[in-house]
Protein backbone atom coordinates (compact mmCIF):
# COMPACT_ATOMS: atom_id res chain seq x y z
CA MET A 1 -197.11 -14.21 -87.32
CA GLU A 2 -195.62 -11.23 -85.48
CA ALA A 3 -194.87 -13.37 -82.42
CA SER A 4 -192.55 -15.63 -84.44
CA TYR A 5 -190.21 -12.77 -85.43
CA ASN A 6 -187.88 -10.52 -83.48
CA SER A 7 -189.68 -7.20 -83.28
CA ARG A 8 -186.37 -5.39 -82.63
CA CYS A 9 -184.95 -6.39 -86.01
CA PRO A 10 -185.00 -3.37 -88.37
CA ALA A 11 -186.00 -5.52 -91.35
CA VAL A 12 -188.91 -7.09 -89.47
CA LYS A 13 -190.18 -3.73 -88.25
CA ARG A 14 -189.97 -2.24 -91.74
CA LEU A 15 -191.74 -5.19 -93.40
CA PHE A 16 -194.59 -5.20 -90.88
CA ARG A 17 -195.11 -1.48 -91.40
CA GLU A 18 -195.21 -1.87 -95.18
CA ALA A 19 -197.57 -4.83 -94.89
CA LYS A 20 -200.01 -2.62 -92.99
CA GLU A 21 -199.70 0.15 -95.58
CA LEU A 22 -200.41 -2.26 -98.46
CA HIS A 23 -203.08 -4.25 -96.64
CA GLU A 24 -205.89 -3.02 -98.89
CA ALA A 25 -205.66 -3.83 -102.57
CA ALA A 26 -205.62 -0.99 -105.08
CA GLU A 27 -206.85 -0.97 -108.66
CA GLU A 28 -203.32 -1.21 -110.11
CA TYR A 29 -201.29 -3.20 -107.57
CA PHE A 30 -201.38 -5.35 -104.46
CA ALA A 31 -198.71 -7.10 -102.38
CA GLN A 32 -198.64 -8.99 -99.10
CA PRO A 33 -196.23 -11.42 -97.37
CA LEU A 34 -196.98 -15.12 -97.14
CA ASP A 35 -198.67 -16.32 -93.99
CA ASP A 36 -195.67 -18.39 -92.92
CA ASN A 37 -192.82 -16.26 -94.29
CA LEU A 38 -192.48 -12.53 -93.77
CA PHE A 39 -189.54 -12.31 -96.17
CA GLU A 40 -191.40 -13.67 -99.19
CA TRP A 41 -194.11 -11.51 -100.69
CA HIS A 42 -196.50 -12.12 -103.58
CA PHE A 43 -197.46 -9.15 -105.73
CA THR A 44 -200.04 -8.51 -108.41
CA VAL A 45 -199.94 -5.62 -110.88
CA ARG A 46 -202.27 -4.58 -113.66
CA GLY A 47 -200.83 -3.95 -117.10
CA PRO A 48 -200.30 -0.24 -117.84
CA ALA A 49 -202.98 1.43 -119.91
CA ASP A 50 -202.37 2.41 -123.54
CA SER A 51 -199.93 -0.48 -124.00
CA GLU A 52 -199.98 -4.07 -125.23
CA PHE A 53 -200.21 -5.13 -121.55
CA ASP A 54 -203.51 -3.30 -121.00
CA GLY A 55 -206.12 -5.64 -119.55
CA GLY A 56 -203.59 -8.12 -118.19
CA VAL A 57 -203.04 -9.00 -114.52
CA TYR A 58 -199.56 -10.23 -113.65
CA HIS A 59 -198.45 -12.08 -110.54
CA GLY A 60 -195.02 -12.67 -109.03
CA ARG A 61 -192.81 -13.07 -105.98
CA ILE A 62 -190.63 -10.61 -104.05
CA ILE A 63 -187.82 -12.17 -102.01
CA MET A 64 -186.61 -9.86 -99.25
CA PRO A 65 -183.00 -9.94 -98.01
CA ALA A 66 -182.31 -10.31 -94.30
CA ASP A 67 -180.92 -6.75 -94.11
CA TYR A 68 -183.79 -5.05 -95.98
CA PRO A 69 -184.12 -2.10 -96.65
CA MET A 70 -180.37 -1.67 -96.83
CA LYS A 71 -180.29 -4.10 -99.78
CA PRO A 72 -182.82 -4.48 -102.62
CA PRO A 73 -185.24 -7.39 -103.00
CA ASN A 74 -185.28 -9.97 -105.79
CA ILE A 75 -188.29 -9.90 -108.13
CA ILE A 76 -189.60 -13.02 -109.91
CA PHE A 77 -192.58 -13.10 -112.29
CA LEU A 78 -194.89 -16.11 -112.25
CA THR A 79 -197.37 -15.04 -114.95
CA PRO A 80 -196.20 -15.22 -118.60
CA ASN A 81 -196.24 -11.68 -119.97
CA GLY A 82 -193.80 -11.38 -122.89
CA ARG A 83 -191.65 -8.74 -121.15
CA PHE A 84 -190.08 -10.62 -118.23
CA GLU A 85 -189.12 -14.27 -117.98
CA THR A 86 -191.03 -16.39 -115.48
CA SER A 87 -189.47 -18.13 -112.47
CA LYS A 88 -186.26 -16.13 -112.90
CA LYS A 89 -184.84 -13.14 -111.03
CA ILE A 90 -185.28 -10.16 -113.32
CA CYS A 91 -182.70 -7.40 -113.72
CA LEU A 92 -184.05 -3.96 -112.80
CA SER A 93 -182.57 -0.96 -111.05
CA ILE A 94 -184.72 -1.77 -108.03
CA SER A 95 -183.83 -5.48 -107.91
CA GLY A 96 -181.01 -7.46 -106.38
CA HIS A 97 -179.00 -7.29 -109.61
CA HIS A 98 -178.19 -3.62 -108.91
CA PRO A 99 -177.53 -3.11 -105.18
CA GLU A 100 -175.38 -0.09 -106.03
CA THR A 101 -178.43 1.87 -107.27
CA TRP A 102 -180.85 0.84 -104.52
CA GLN A 103 -181.89 3.44 -101.98
CA PRO A 104 -183.17 2.46 -98.49
CA SER A 105 -185.90 5.09 -98.80
CA TRP A 106 -187.54 3.04 -101.56
CA SER A 107 -190.23 0.58 -100.54
CA ILE A 108 -192.23 -2.32 -101.93
CA ARG A 109 -194.77 0.16 -103.31
CA THR A 110 -191.91 1.91 -105.12
CA ALA A 111 -190.92 -1.43 -106.62
CA LEU A 112 -194.48 -2.13 -107.77
CA LEU A 113 -194.81 1.24 -109.46
CA ALA A 114 -191.41 0.77 -111.10
CA ILE A 115 -192.50 -2.64 -112.44
CA ILE A 116 -195.60 -1.05 -113.99
CA GLY A 117 -193.50 1.71 -115.50
CA PHE A 118 -190.84 -0.65 -116.88
CA MET A 119 -193.23 -3.10 -118.55
CA PRO A 120 -193.73 -1.10 -121.82
CA THR A 121 -190.00 -0.26 -122.11
CA PRO A 122 -187.57 -2.10 -124.44
CA ALA A 123 -185.84 -5.19 -123.02
CA ASN A 124 -182.35 -4.16 -124.20
CA GLY A 125 -181.04 -7.66 -123.54
CA THR A 126 -181.06 -7.39 -119.74
CA ILE A 127 -181.18 -10.47 -117.54
CA GLY A 128 -184.65 -12.01 -117.34
CA SER A 129 -186.05 -9.79 -120.11
CA LEU A 130 -188.04 -10.79 -123.20
CA ASP A 131 -188.80 -8.92 -126.39
CA TYR A 132 -192.08 -10.38 -127.65
CA THR A 133 -194.14 -8.67 -130.30
CA ALA A 134 -197.11 -6.49 -129.36
CA SER A 135 -199.61 -9.06 -130.60
CA GLU A 136 -198.01 -11.85 -128.57
CA ARG A 137 -198.05 -9.70 -125.43
CA ALA A 138 -201.71 -8.83 -126.00
CA LYS A 139 -202.58 -12.52 -126.19
CA LEU A 140 -200.66 -13.21 -122.96
CA ALA A 141 -202.47 -10.29 -121.31
CA LYS A 142 -205.85 -11.90 -121.93
CA LYS A 143 -204.57 -15.30 -120.86
CA SER A 144 -203.15 -13.87 -117.60
CA LEU A 145 -206.66 -13.44 -116.20
CA GLU A 146 -206.88 -17.21 -115.86
CA TYR A 147 -203.69 -17.64 -113.88
CA GLN A 148 -204.03 -19.40 -110.50
CA CYS A 149 -201.41 -19.02 -107.77
CA PRO A 150 -201.08 -21.99 -105.37
CA GLN A 151 -200.89 -19.60 -102.41
CA CYS A 152 -203.06 -16.69 -103.56
CA GLY A 153 -205.66 -18.29 -105.82
CA CYS A 154 -207.06 -16.47 -108.83
CA VAL A 155 -204.85 -13.41 -109.27
CA SER A 156 -207.43 -11.40 -111.24
CA ALA A 157 -209.65 -11.31 -108.16
CA LEU A 158 -206.93 -9.80 -105.97
CA LEU A 159 -207.19 -6.31 -107.45
CA LYS A 160 -210.07 -3.89 -107.30
CA GLU A 161 -211.98 -3.40 -110.48
CA ARG A 162 -210.67 -0.53 -112.56
CA THR A 163 -213.17 2.33 -112.43
CA SER A 164 -211.04 4.93 -114.21
CA ASP A 165 -207.92 5.20 -116.31
CA ASN A 166 -205.87 6.09 -113.18
CA LYS A 167 -203.80 8.63 -115.07
CA GLU A 168 -202.37 10.02 -111.84
CA LEU A 169 -201.08 6.64 -110.73
CA GLN A 170 -199.75 5.89 -114.23
CA GLU A 171 -197.93 9.23 -114.18
CA GLU A 172 -196.53 8.42 -110.73
CA ALA A 173 -195.29 5.07 -112.07
CA ARG A 174 -193.50 6.85 -114.92
CA GLU A 175 -191.97 9.33 -112.47
CA VAL A 176 -190.70 6.49 -110.28
CA MET A 177 -189.24 4.76 -113.33
CA GLY A 178 -187.63 8.04 -114.38
CA LYS A 179 -186.04 8.52 -110.96
CA VAL A 180 -184.69 4.99 -110.97
CA THR A 181 -183.35 5.42 -114.52
CA VAL A 182 -181.68 8.72 -113.59
CA THR A 183 -180.04 7.03 -110.61
CA VAL A 184 -178.62 4.31 -112.86
CA LYS A 185 -177.34 6.86 -115.38
CA ALA A 186 -175.75 8.91 -112.60
CA GLU A 187 -174.00 5.82 -111.23
CA SER A 188 -172.80 4.87 -114.73
CA LYS A 189 -171.62 8.44 -115.39
CA GLU A 190 -169.67 8.53 -112.14
CA GLY A 191 -168.09 5.19 -112.99
CA ASN A 192 -167.10 6.41 -116.45
CA GLU A 193 -165.67 9.63 -115.03
CA GLY A 194 -163.65 7.63 -112.54
CA THR A 195 -162.29 5.48 -115.35
CA ALA A 196 -161.52 8.54 -117.42
CA GLY A 197 -159.81 10.16 -114.44
CA ALA A 198 -157.70 7.08 -113.92
CA SER A 199 -156.80 7.12 -117.61
CA VAL A 200 -155.81 10.78 -117.42
CA GLU A 201 -153.71 10.13 -114.33
CA PHE A 202 -152.03 7.19 -116.08
CA ASP A 203 -151.34 9.30 -119.18
CA SER A 204 -149.91 12.05 -116.96
CA PHE A 205 -147.68 9.52 -115.24
CA ILE A 206 -146.38 8.22 -118.58
CA SER A 207 -145.81 11.78 -119.80
CA SER A 208 -143.92 12.77 -116.65
CA SER A 209 -141.75 9.64 -116.93
CA SER A 210 -140.24 10.74 -120.26
CA SER A 211 -136.64 12.03 -120.24
CA ILE A 212 -137.29 15.72 -121.01
CA ASP A 213 -140.59 17.48 -121.68
CA ASP A 214 -141.41 19.02 -125.05
CA SER A 215 -142.07 22.43 -123.48
CA PRO A 216 -139.25 25.01 -123.11
CA VAL A 217 -137.26 24.30 -119.95
CA SER A 218 -134.36 25.97 -118.22
CA VAL A 219 -131.09 24.31 -117.26
CA SER A 220 -132.08 24.19 -113.56
CA GLN A 221 -135.37 22.47 -114.34
CA ALA A 222 -133.60 19.89 -116.49
CA ASN A 223 -131.05 19.25 -113.74
CA GLU A 224 -133.77 18.78 -111.10
CA GLU A 225 -135.68 16.32 -113.30
CA ILE A 226 -132.58 14.26 -114.11
CA SER A 227 -131.46 14.34 -110.47
CA VAL A 228 -134.80 12.98 -109.28
CA LYS A 229 -134.68 10.16 -111.81
CA THR A 230 -131.11 9.33 -110.80
CA ASP A 231 -132.12 9.04 -107.13
CA LEU A 232 -135.02 6.73 -108.01
CA SER A 233 -132.85 4.43 -110.14
CA SER A 234 -130.51 1.78 -108.73
CA PRO A 235 -127.16 3.03 -107.25
CA SER A 236 -125.09 0.95 -109.66
CA GLU A 237 -126.83 2.14 -112.83
CA PRO A 238 -127.60 5.80 -113.61
CA SER A 239 -130.92 6.51 -115.29
CA PHE A 240 -129.36 7.79 -118.55
CA ASN A 241 -128.18 5.48 -121.30
CA LYS A 242 -124.60 4.22 -121.26
CA GLY A 243 -122.40 4.19 -124.36
CA THR A 244 -121.59 6.73 -126.99
CA GLU A 245 -122.89 10.26 -127.16
CA SER A 246 -125.55 9.20 -129.69
CA ASN A 247 -127.32 7.18 -126.97
CA THR A 248 -127.60 10.04 -124.47
CA PRO A 249 -131.04 11.69 -124.20
CA GLN A 250 -131.39 15.01 -125.96
CA ALA A 251 -133.70 17.88 -125.11
CA THR A 252 -136.40 18.57 -127.66
CA SER A 253 -136.57 22.30 -126.92
CA GLN A 254 -134.09 25.11 -126.41
CA ALA A 255 -132.70 25.60 -122.88
CA THR A 256 -132.56 29.10 -121.45
CA LEU A 257 -128.96 29.82 -120.37
CA PRO A 258 -127.83 32.77 -118.21
CA GLY A 259 -127.19 35.81 -120.34
CA ASN A 260 -129.25 34.59 -123.27
CA SER A 261 -132.59 35.95 -124.35
CA ALA A 262 -135.82 34.02 -123.91
CA PRO A 263 -136.36 31.20 -126.37
CA SER A 264 -138.26 31.96 -129.53
CA SER A 265 -141.55 30.36 -130.48
CA SER A 266 -139.78 27.85 -132.74
CA SER A 267 -138.05 25.18 -130.67
CA GLN A 268 -134.40 24.36 -131.37
CA VAL A 269 -132.68 21.10 -130.56
CA PRO A 270 -129.43 21.60 -128.58
CA THR A 271 -126.22 20.10 -129.88
CA VAL A 272 -124.81 16.87 -128.52
CA ASP A 273 -122.06 18.74 -126.68
CA GLN A 274 -124.60 20.58 -124.48
CA THR A 275 -126.46 17.50 -123.28
CA PRO A 276 -123.62 15.79 -121.32
CA GLU A 277 -123.01 19.03 -119.42
CA ILE A 278 -126.61 19.05 -118.20
CA LEU A 279 -126.57 15.40 -117.30
CA MET A 280 -123.25 15.43 -115.41
CA GLU A 281 -124.50 18.10 -113.01
CA GLY A 282 -127.10 15.71 -111.60
CA VAL A 283 -125.15 12.41 -111.85
CA ALA A 284 -122.27 11.14 -109.72
CA THR A 285 -118.80 11.31 -111.37
CA HIS A 286 -115.91 8.84 -111.04
CA ASN A 287 -114.20 11.06 -108.45
CA HIS A 288 -117.36 10.96 -106.36
CA VAL A 289 -117.25 7.15 -106.36
CA ARG A 290 -113.66 7.18 -104.94
CA ASP A 291 -114.60 9.53 -102.12
CA PRO A 292 -114.69 7.36 -98.90
CA VAL A 293 -116.99 9.84 -97.13
CA SER A 294 -119.81 9.81 -99.66
CA ASN A 295 -119.17 6.18 -100.68
CA PRO A 296 -118.51 3.97 -97.56
CA GLY A 297 -118.30 0.88 -99.76
CA TYR A 298 -115.03 2.08 -101.26
CA LEU A 299 -113.47 2.40 -97.77
CA TYR A 300 -114.63 -1.12 -96.87
CA ASN A 301 -113.05 -2.58 -100.01
CA LEU A 302 -109.77 -0.74 -99.27
CA VAL A 303 -109.53 -2.13 -95.72
CA LEU A 304 -110.39 -5.65 -96.89
CA SER A 305 -107.73 -5.57 -99.59
CA SER A 306 -105.11 -4.35 -97.12
CA ALA A 307 -105.93 -7.17 -94.70
CA ILE A 308 -105.62 -9.76 -97.45
CA PHE A 309 -102.21 -8.48 -98.54
CA LEU A 310 -101.03 -8.45 -94.90
CA PHE A 311 -102.14 -12.05 -94.41
CA ILE A 312 -100.32 -13.16 -97.57
CA GLY A 313 -97.16 -11.43 -96.36
CA LEU A 314 -97.29 -13.22 -93.01
CA VAL A 315 -97.72 -16.57 -94.75
CA VAL A 316 -94.72 -15.92 -97.02
CA ARG A 317 -92.62 -14.85 -94.01
CA ARG A 318 -93.53 -18.03 -92.20
CA ILE A 319 -92.45 -20.14 -95.19
CA PHE A 320 -89.08 -18.41 -95.44
CA LEU A 321 -88.40 -18.87 -91.72
CA LEU A 322 -89.13 -22.59 -91.95
CA GLU A 323 -86.55 -22.90 -94.76
CA GLY A 324 -83.83 -21.37 -92.53
CA ASP A 325 -83.57 -17.90 -93.94
CA THR A 326 -83.02 -15.05 -91.52
CA SER A 327 -85.62 -12.42 -90.88
CA GLU A 328 -83.34 -9.75 -92.43
CA GLU A 329 -83.16 -11.67 -95.73
CA LEU A 330 -86.96 -12.13 -95.69
CA ASP A 331 -87.53 -8.43 -95.13
CA ASP A 332 -85.27 -7.66 -98.08
CA VAL A 333 -87.26 -10.06 -100.28
CA LEU A 334 -90.57 -8.58 -99.21
CA LEU A 335 -89.36 -5.06 -99.77
């Protein structure tokens, strides 16, 4: 089979190495690729001791991606067991449903140990999970010994006979499951922190977009804030409200003016007469709009109006000349 695959492919090299490592069956697990397909493996695991799966032997498929081990495999159970659905891709941290938690250092043996460790855990409504009662799972465990795989034959004969309780391997399976679970929780925690950070940034943005902060501010700070908002708004409309003095924004804390003492702990609202003075220092006045240097549009409108009036005068002069009037009389009329 090795001659039919590219030996330079990283996935092929990794799968051949793992096939050699798992060539001999153990008491608790066994897995090997199909004779005609290196990327489809069949696995067999024994039910964990001290659980309703004890005594059962469960068989399934492992579908490898083309870029393994950079992406996780898909795991499908073939033997009814009461914990995972059959002929359906199950959702585990080591399966294709969670590529974000998969680590390339994990192997097929890691997946087998994780499957053993996850079998006694609650289903929690995940994809491909079942929540049968303990008695139903015990019945399926006894019935699993009769399962026949079309490719592998009797699955109960694939494993070595259990000579001990294999507490060390069971403990290793729980450790692998714990590592995988910690990885999922870490990923979820990072995602939640990112969402919380985005929420905090959004709240900060909304808070900074208000007219004047609730904290004590000086006149210069208020002028800088209003000036920035005026520059960001459209040139034709200032950022403050138009209309009467009741519509103008008011500061919610006392401003520190030159010569005055520091504000007290109790905030005071400034009168309406103080607010326009603060606003007008950062907003263009009507005299600024008429300045042709700072407002080139005003100069353009002035030149255009002058040209229009000149054209109208020439037309009127032409009409008077056609009617026989002298140029002196026309100049008197125009003047």
